[in-house]
C-alpha atoms as a PDB file:
ATOM      1  CA  MET A   1     111.626 128.124   3.858  1.00  0.00           C
ATOM      2  CA  GLY A   2     111.855 124.882   5.655  1.00  0.00           C
ATOM      3  CA  ALA A   3     113.042 122.980   2.566  1.00  0.00           C
ATOM      4  CA  LEU A   4     115.550 125.489   1.795  1.00  0.00           C
ATOM      5  CA  ALA A   5     116.781 125.436   5.497  1.00  0.00           C
ATOM      6  CA  ILE A   6     117.046 121.832   5.387  1.00  0.00           C
ATOM      7  CA  LEU A   7     119.122 121.661   1.985  1.00  0.00           C
ATOM      8  CA  LEU A   8     121.350 124.253   3.088  1.00  0.00           C
ATOM      9  CA  ALA A   9     121.930 122.580   6.395  1.00  0.00           C
ATOM     10  CA  LEU A  10     122.593 119.295   4.430  1.00  0.00           C
ATOM     11  CA  PHE A  11     125.208 121.378   2.314  1.00  0.00           C
ATOM     12  CA  ALA A  12     126.858 122.853   5.580  1.00  0.00           C
ATOM     13  CA  PHE A  13     127.027 119.272   7.104  1.00  0.00           C
ATOM     14  CA  SER A  14     129.162 118.041   4.218  1.00  0.00           C
ATOM     15  CA  TYR A  15     132.028 120.698   5.087  1.00  0.00           C
ATOM     16  CA  LEU A  16     131.842 120.206   8.911  1.00  0.00           C
ATOM     17  CA  PRO A  17     132.749 117.022  10.717  1.00  0.00           C
ATOM     18  CA  VAL A  18     129.271 116.450  11.868  1.00  0.00           C
ATOM     19  CA  ASN A  19     128.456 113.409  14.122  1.00  0.00           C
ATOM     20  CA  TYR A  20     124.926 112.140  12.995  1.00  0.00           C
ATOM     21  CA  VAL A  21     124.181 110.591  16.229  1.00  0.00           C
ATOM     22  CA  GLY A  22     124.291 114.076  17.672  1.00  0.00           C
ATOM     23  CA  VAL A  23     122.067 115.393  14.706  1.00  0.00           C
ATOM     24  CA  LEU A  24     119.524 112.425  15.578  1.00  0.00           C
ATOM     25  CA  LEU A  25     119.480 113.105  19.308  1.00  0.00           C
ATOM     26  CA  ILE A  26     118.519 116.749  18.573  1.00  0.00           C
ATOM     27  CA  LEU A  27     115.860 115.649  16.117  1.00  0.00           C
ATOM     28  CA  LEU A  28     114.594 113.318  18.910  1.00  0.00           C
ATOM     29  CA  ALA A  29     114.508 116.061  21.298  1.00  0.00           C
ATOM     30  CA  LEU A  30     112.392 117.952  18.872  1.00  0.00           C
ATOM     31  CA  ILE A  31     110.109 114.920  18.559  1.00  0.00           C
ATOM     32  CA  LEU A  32     109.686 114.417  22.081  1.00  0.00           C
ATOM     33  CA  PHE A  33     108.856 118.006  22.752  1.00  0.00           C
ATOM     34  CA  ILE A  34     106.238 117.888  20.211  1.00  0.00           C
ATOM     35  CA  LEU A  35     104.932 114.704  21.852  1.00  0.00           C
ATOM     36  CA  GLU A  36     104.816 116.021  25.145  1.00  0.00           C
ATOM     37  CA  VAL A  37     101.787 118.331  23.761  1.00  0.00           C
ATOM     38  CA  LYS A  38     100.104 115.169  22.323  1.00  0.00           C
ATOM     39  CA  VAL A  39     100.667 112.594  25.221  1.00  0.00           C
ATOM     40  CA  VAL A  40      99.989 112.846  28.775  1.00  0.00           C
ATOM     41  CA  SER A  41     103.323 112.216  30.166  1.00  0.00           C
ATOM     42  CA  TYR A  42     103.330 114.598  33.157  1.00  0.00           C
ATOM     43  CA  GLY A  43     106.623 116.062  31.628  1.00  0.00           C
ATOM     44  CA  MET A  44     108.808 113.048  31.340  1.00  0.00           C
ATOM     45  CA  LEU A  45     108.742 113.519  27.422  1.00  0.00           C
ATOM     46  CA  SER A  46     110.264 116.948  28.059  1.00  0.00           C
ATOM     47  CA  VAL A  47     112.711 115.665  30.475  1.00  0.00           C
ATOM     48  CA  GLY A  48     113.984 113.062  27.835  1.00  0.00           C
ATOM     49  CA  GLY A  49     113.867 115.721  25.212  1.00  0.00           C
ATOM     50  CA  ILE A  50     116.268 118.243  27.202  1.00  0.00           C
ATOM     51  CA  VAL A  51     118.539 115.408  27.971  1.00  0.00           C
ATOM     52  CA  ALA A  52     118.494 114.399  24.311  1.00  0.00           C
ATOM     53  CA  MET A  53     119.080 117.894  23.317  1.00  0.00           C
ATOM     54  CA  ALA A  54     122.064 118.518  25.738  1.00  0.00           C
ATOM     55  CA  PHE A  55     123.840 115.187  24.580  1.00  0.00           C
ATOM     56  CA  GLY A  56     123.172 115.651  21.068  1.00  0.00           C
ATOM     57  CA  SER A  57     124.500 119.448  21.146  1.00  0.00           C
ATOM     58  CA  LEU A  58     127.655 118.173  23.013  1.00  0.00           C
ATOM     59  CA  MET A  59     128.111 115.363  20.490  1.00  0.00           C
ATOM     60  CA  LEU A  60     127.292 117.475  17.361  1.00  0.00           C
ATOM     61  CA  ILE A  61     130.498 118.482  16.046  1.00  0.00           C
ATOM     62  CA  ASP A  62     133.195 115.642  16.022  1.00  0.00           C
ATOM     63  CA  SER A  63     136.565 117.489  15.784  1.00  0.00           C
ATOM     64  CA  SER A  64     139.526 118.281  18.262  1.00  0.00           C
ATOM     65  CA  ALA A  65     139.810 121.925  16.588  1.00  0.00           C
ATOM     66  CA  PRO A  66     138.749 124.092  19.052  1.00  0.00           C
ATOM     67  CA  TYR A  67     137.571 126.656  16.321  1.00  0.00           C
ATOM     68  CA  LEU A  68     135.089 124.034  14.800  1.00  0.00           C
ATOM     69  CA  GLN A  69     133.692 122.981  18.104  1.00  0.00           C
ATOM     70  CA  ILE A  70     130.280 124.421  19.679  1.00  0.00           C
ATOM     71  CA  SER A  71     130.816 126.621  22.727  1.00  0.00           C
ATOM     72  CA  ARG A  72     129.732 124.719  25.894  1.00  0.00           C
ATOM     73  CA  ALA A  73     128.039 128.119  27.158  1.00  0.00           C
ATOM     74  CA  ALA A  74     126.055 128.214  23.759  1.00  0.00           C
ATOM     75  CA  ILE A  75     124.899 124.761  24.436  1.00  0.00           C
ATOM     76  CA  ALA A  76     123.906 125.329  27.930  1.00  0.00           C
ATOM     77  CA  ALA A  77     121.984 128.689  27.052  1.00  0.00           C
ATOM     78  CA  SER A  78     119.968 127.024  24.202  1.00  0.00           C
ATOM     79  CA  VAL A  79     119.226 124.035  26.559  1.00  0.00           C
ATOM     80  CA  ILE A  80     118.281 126.318  29.471  1.00  0.00           C
ATOM     81  CA  VAL A  81     116.149 128.543  27.306  1.00  0.00           C
ATOM     82  CA  SER A  82     114.576 125.320  25.455  1.00  0.00           C
ATOM     83  CA  ALA A  83     113.721 123.786  28.924  1.00  0.00           C
ATOM     84  CA  GLY A  84     112.318 127.253  30.127  1.00  0.00           C
ATOM     85  CA  PHE A  85     110.012 127.487  27.222  1.00  0.00           C
ATOM     86  CA  ILE A  86     108.953 123.644  27.581  1.00  0.00           C
ATOM     87  CA  LEU A  87     108.250 124.478  31.184  1.00  0.00           C
ATOM     88  CA  LEU A  88     106.241 127.402  30.611  1.00  0.00           C
ATOM     89  CA  ALA A  89     104.238 126.011  27.826  1.00  0.00           C
ATOM     90  CA  THR A  90     103.647 122.726  29.837  1.00  0.00           C
ATOM     91  CA  THR A  91     102.357 124.919  32.828  1.00  0.00           C
ATOM     92  CA  MET A  92     100.080 127.027  30.601  1.00  0.00           C
ATOM     93  CA  VAL A  93      98.531 123.718  29.165  1.00  0.00           C
ATOM     94  CA  VAL A  94      97.908 122.089  32.680  1.00  0.00           C
ATOM     95  CA  ARG A  95      96.499 125.449  33.919  1.00  0.00           C
ATOM     96  CA  THR A  96      94.283 125.568  30.938  1.00  0.00           C
ATOM     97  CA  GLN A  97      92.956 122.060  31.528  1.00  0.00           C
ATOM     98  CA  ARG A  98      92.199 122.757  35.164  1.00  0.00           C
ATOM     99  CA  ARG A  99      89.835 125.628  34.343  1.00  0.00           C
ATOM    100  CA  PRO A 100      86.202 125.340  34.546  1.00  0.00           C
ATOM    101  CA  VAL A 101      84.144 124.910  31.522  1.00  0.00           C
ATOM    102  CA  THR A 102      82.990 128.170  30.165  1.00  0.00           C
ATOM    103  CA  SER A 103      80.945 127.183  27.208  1.00  0.00           C
ATOM    104  CA  GLY A 104      78.600 124.583  26.081  1.00  0.00           C
ATOM    105  CA  ARG A 105      75.998 122.814  27.920  1.00  0.00           C
ATOM    106  CA  GLU A 106      78.333 122.556  31.069  1.00  0.00           C
ATOM    107  CA  GLY A 107      79.196 126.213  31.182  1.00  0.00           C
ATOM    108  CA  MET A 108      75.509 127.221  31.349  1.00  0.00           C
ATOM    109  CA  ILE A 109      74.765 125.456  34.694  1.00  0.00           C
ATOM    110  CA  GLY A 110      74.990 127.795  37.377  1.00  0.00           C
ATOM    111  CA  GLU A 111      74.897 130.923  35.197  1.00  0.00           C
ATOM    112  CA  THR A 112      72.541 133.784  36.435  1.00  0.00           C
ATOM    113  CA  GLY A 113      70.303 136.119  34.587  1.00  0.00           C
ATOM    114  CA  ARG A 114      66.816 137.681  34.389  1.00  0.00           C
ATOM    115  CA  ALA A 115      63.489 136.517  33.587  1.00  0.00           C
ATOM    116  CA  LEU A 116      62.261 138.760  30.455  1.00  0.00           C
ATOM    117  CA  GLY A 117      58.635 137.897  31.086  1.00  0.00           C
ATOM    118  CA  THR A 118      56.605 136.127  33.546  1.00  0.00           C
ATOM    119  CA  ILE A 119      57.395 132.539  33.649  1.00  0.00           C
ATOM    120  CA  ASP A 120      54.559 130.393  34.355  1.00  0.00           C
ATOM    121  CA  GLY A 121      55.704 126.834  33.250  1.00  0.00           C
ATOM    122  CA  SER A 122      57.731 128.325  30.429  1.00  0.00           C
ATOM    123  CA  GLY A 123      59.044 131.981  29.138  1.00  0.00           C
ATOM    124  CA  ARG A 124      62.013 133.725  28.294  1.00  0.00           C
ATOM    125  CA  VAL A 125      65.128 134.636  30.294  1.00  0.00           C
ATOM    126  CA  PHE A 126      68.300 136.549  29.492  1.00  0.00           C
ATOM    127  CA  VAL A 127      71.507 134.735  30.281  1.00  0.00           C
ATOM    128  CA  HIS A 128      75.061 135.329  29.251  1.00  0.00           C
ATOM    129  CA  GLY A 129      74.048 138.080  26.921  1.00  0.00           C
ATOM    130  CA  GLU A 130      71.722 136.148  25.037  1.00  0.00           C
ATOM    131  CA  ASP A 131      67.730 135.309  25.096  1.00  0.00           C
ATOM    132  CA  TRP A 132      66.817 131.840  25.890  1.00  0.00           C
ATOM    133  CA  GLN A 133      63.665 129.902  26.075  1.00  0.00           C
ATOM    134  CA  ALA A 134      63.026 128.749  29.734  1.00  0.00           C
ATOM    135  CA  CYS A 135      60.995 126.521  31.710  1.00  0.00           C
ATOM    136  CA  ALA A 136      60.776 126.529  35.643  1.00  0.00           C
ATOM    137  CA  ARG A 137      58.797 124.387  38.310  1.00  0.00           C
ATOM    138  CA  GLN A 138      57.459 127.532  40.198  1.00  0.00           C
ATOM    139  CA  PRO A 139      56.280 130.765  38.633  1.00  0.00           C
ATOM    140  CA  ILE A 140      58.884 133.512  38.399  1.00  0.00           C
ATOM    141  CA  PRO A 141      57.999 137.168  37.889  1.00  0.00           C
ATOM    142  CA  ALA A 142      59.093 139.253  35.103  1.00  0.00           C
ATOM    143  CA  GLY A 143      62.486 140.886  35.988  1.00  0.00           C
ATOM    144  CA  ALA A 144      63.324 138.335  38.692  1.00  0.00           C
ATOM    145  CA  ALA A 145      66.924 137.036  39.049  1.00  0.00           C
ATOM    146  CA  ILE A 146      67.177 133.571  37.908  1.00  0.00           C
ATOM    147  CA  ARG A 147      69.851 130.882  37.967  1.00  0.00           C
ATOM    148  CA  VAL A 148      70.393 128.054  35.218  1.00  0.00           C
ATOM    149  CA  VAL A 149      69.509 124.694  36.778  1.00  0.00           C
ATOM    150  CA  ALA A 150      70.097 122.553  33.694  1.00  0.00           C
ATOM    151  CA  MET A 151      69.897 122.782  29.790  1.00  0.00           C
ATOM    152  CA  LEU A 152      67.286 120.715  28.289  1.00  0.00           C
ATOM    153  CA  ASP A 153      66.935 119.291  24.751  1.00  0.00           C
ATOM    154  CA  GLY A 154      66.162 121.691  22.313  1.00  0.00           C
ATOM    155  CA  LEU A 155      68.291 124.579  23.888  1.00  0.00           C
ATOM    156  CA  LYS A 156      65.781 125.118  26.601  1.00  0.00           C
ATOM    157  CA  LEU A 157      66.884 126.208  30.233  1.00  0.00           C
ATOM    158  CA  LYS A 158      65.426 125.001  33.367  1.00  0.00           C
ATOM    159  CA  VAL A 159      65.820 127.948  35.754  1.00  0.00           C
ATOM    160  CA  GLU A 160      65.015 128.759  39.392  1.00  0.00           C
ATOM    161  CA  GLU A 161      64.516 132.290  40.905  1.00  0.00           C
ATOM    162  CA  ILE A 162      67.112 133.254  43.103  1.00  0.00           C
ATOM    163  CA  GLU A 163      67.527 136.368  45.511  1.00  0.00           C
ATOM    164  CA  ASP A 164      68.351 139.313  43.462  1.00  0.00           C
ATOM    165  CA  PRO A 165      72.088 140.209  44.441  1.00  0.00           C
ATOM    166  CA  GLY A 166      71.562 143.796  43.136  1.00  0.00           C
ATOM    167  CA  GLU A 167      69.068 144.401  45.901  1.00  0.00           C
ATOM    168  CA  ARG A 168      69.543 144.729  49.758  1.00  0.00           C
ATOM    169  CA  PRO A 169      67.604 145.207  52.639  1.00  0.00           C
ATOM    170  CA  LYS A 170      67.168 148.996  53.305  1.00  0.00           C
ATOM    171  CA  GLU A 171      68.683 150.173  56.506  1.00  0.00           C
ATOM    172  CA  LYS A 172      66.719 152.375  58.968  1.00  0.00           C
ATOM    173  CA  GLY A 173      66.500 155.862  57.752  1.00  0.00           C
ATOM    174  CA  GLU A 174      67.623 155.082  54.349  1.00  0.00           C
ATOM    175  CA  ARG A 175      65.284 155.735  51.344  1.00  0.00           C
END
């Protein structure tokens, strides 16, 4: 489909008074938008891409005949929509990069779970929906709430007992 579109565009350009600098500026804008994803530029490549797209669109058709020129409203609309999309995509990428790690070794530290059996040196715990081998400095009774302190080699968790958030002290007169 892409090759067909390029061939049809080349055919159409031969009949239209196209300024190839305008075409190159629009291609430069697309390249800058793609590079914005790959290179940390804090939006400067996107700004350059928007400017290149605006000037390339204005220069694209080199004709004094009004019926052959691109409407300024169409150019403004396409540049504004492209800028909005790039701004939204950049915002989402930055937000994603700032999120805390939720997987892997770093994502396990601080997670809570339950001891499946008594942990006296080593035992098994249930964290993140999975059973894990665990070790602890102090003995932990079966069913106690635990927190992951570290992840050791061999996928073994170092845990500590914590106060169970599900249990609260009973009020007077409460059973």
